[in-house]
C-alpha atoms as a PDB file:
ATOM      1  CA  MET A   1     109.512  65.862  90.599  1.00  0.00           C
ATOM      2  CA  SER A   2     111.129  67.250  87.546  1.00  0.00           C
ATOM      3  CA  GLN A   3     112.547  70.747  87.501  1.00  0.00           C
ATOM      4  CA  ALA A   4     110.979  71.047  84.058  1.00  0.00           C
ATOM      5  CA  ILE A   5     107.662  71.680  85.829  1.00  0.00           C
ATOM      6  CA  SER A   6     109.071  74.815  87.462  1.00  0.00           C
ATOM      7  CA  SER A   7     110.282  77.735  85.369  1.00  0.00           C
ATOM      8  CA  GLU A   8     113.092  78.444  87.860  1.00  0.00           C
ATOM      9  CA  SER A   9     116.187  76.407  88.585  1.00  0.00           C
ATOM     10  CA  ALA A  10     118.213  76.048  91.768  1.00  0.00           C
ATOM     11  CA  GLU A  11     120.902  78.070  89.991  1.00  0.00           C
ATOM     12  CA  ASP A  12     118.379  80.887  89.363  1.00  0.00           C
ATOM     13  CA  VAL A  13     117.403  80.941  93.034  1.00  0.00           C
ATOM     14  CA  ALA A  14     121.039  80.963  94.174  1.00  0.00           C
ATOM     15  CA  ALA A  15     121.789  83.811  91.751  1.00  0.00           C
ATOM     16  CA  VAL A  16     118.956  85.921  93.186  1.00  0.00           C
ATOM     17  CA  ILE A  17     120.220  85.258  96.707  1.00  0.00           C
ATOM     18  CA  GLY A  18     123.723  86.251  95.593  1.00  0.00           C
ATOM     19  CA  GLU A  19     122.379  89.507  94.160  1.00  0.00           C
ATOM     20  CA  ALA A  20     120.461  90.220  97.368  1.00  0.00           C
ATOM     21  CA  MET A  21     123.680  89.745  99.349  1.00  0.00           C
ATOM     22  CA  LYS A  22     125.092  92.805  97.573  1.00  0.00           C
ATOM     23  CA  HIS A  23     122.527  94.913  99.437  1.00  0.00           C
ATOM     24  CA  VAL A  24     121.481  92.956 102.530  1.00  0.00           C
ATOM     25  CA  ALA A  25     123.454  91.002 105.136  1.00  0.00           C
ATOM     26  CA  LYS A  26     123.133  87.295 104.366  1.00  0.00           C
ATOM     27  CA  GLU A  27     121.823  86.666 107.892  1.00  0.00           C
ATOM     28  CA  LYS A  28     118.780  88.785 107.041  1.00  0.00           C
ATOM     29  CA  ILE A  29     117.903  87.048 103.761  1.00  0.00           C
ATOM     30  CA  ILE A  30     115.002  84.604 103.935  1.00  0.00           C
ATOM     31  CA  PRO A  31     114.327  82.921 100.593  1.00  0.00           C
ATOM     32  CA  SER A  32     110.620  82.537  99.946  1.00  0.00           C
ATOM     33  CA  THR A  33     108.113  82.436  97.144  1.00  0.00           C
ATOM     34  CA  ASN A  34     107.239  85.722  95.486  1.00  0.00           C
ATOM     35  CA  CYS A  35     103.730  84.751  94.518  1.00  0.00           C
ATOM     36  CA  GLY A  36     100.674  83.041  95.855  1.00  0.00           C
ATOM     37  CA  MET A  37     100.767  79.316  95.279  1.00  0.00           C
ATOM     38  CA  ALA A  38      97.121  78.548  96.017  1.00  0.00           C
ATOM     39  CA  PRO A  39      95.961  78.837  92.388  1.00  0.00           C
ATOM     40  CA  MET A  40      98.748  76.536  91.129  1.00  0.00           C
ATOM     41  CA  ARG A  41      98.505  72.855  90.479  1.00  0.00           C
ATOM     42  CA  ARG A  42      99.927  70.976  93.444  1.00  0.00           C
ATOM     43  CA  ASP A  43     102.739  69.364  91.435  1.00  0.00           C
ATOM     44  CA  ILE A  44     103.906  72.768  90.209  1.00  0.00           C
ATOM     45  CA  ALA A  45     103.801  74.266  93.716  1.00  0.00           C
ATOM     46  CA  VAL A  46     105.756  71.311  95.140  1.00  0.00           C
ATOM     47  CA  ALA A  47     108.341  71.598  92.341  1.00  0.00           C
ATOM     48  CA  LYS A  48     108.745  75.332  92.999  1.00  0.00           C
ATOM     49  CA  LEU A  49     109.289  74.712  96.712  1.00  0.00           C
ATOM     50  CA  LYS A  50     111.848  71.995  95.929  1.00  0.00           C
ATOM     51  CA  VAL A  51     113.765  74.354  93.625  1.00  0.00           C
ATOM     52  CA  LEU A  52     113.596  77.089  96.283  1.00  0.00           C
ATOM     53  CA  GLY A  53     115.099  74.753  98.881  1.00  0.00           C
ATOM     54  CA  ASP A  54     117.745  73.458  96.484  1.00  0.00           C
ATOM     55  CA  GLY A  55     118.688  77.009  95.485  1.00  0.00           C
ATOM     56  CA  ALA A  56     118.975  78.122  99.110  1.00  0.00           C
ATOM     57  CA  ALA A  57     121.195  75.116  99.832  1.00  0.00           C
ATOM     58  CA  LEU A  58     123.359  75.982  96.826  1.00  0.00           C
ATOM     59  CA  ALA A  59     123.689  79.583  98.033  1.00  0.00           C
ATOM     60  CA  ARG A  60     124.684  78.393 101.527  1.00  0.00           C
ATOM     61  CA  LYS A  61     127.300  76.118  99.983  1.00  0.00           C
ATOM     62  CA  ARG A  62     128.699  78.975  97.882  1.00  0.00           C
ATOM     63  CA  TRP A  63     128.583  81.837 100.366  1.00  0.00           C
ATOM     64  CA  GLY A  64     128.148  80.236 103.773  1.00  0.00           C
END
């Protein structure tokens, strides 16, 4: 799946997680979608979930 389908990038997701870490202990942060995915086309929903996972992995790599 291409990231072009999703409006977010893994870098965007990691940046949001990094911002959250300024206010919340990283052990308490659970990355998730911020919207309902039921009305989306399946390929878009799958791409968004892939970017979410990739962004969380990037954040773990950066900040443990």
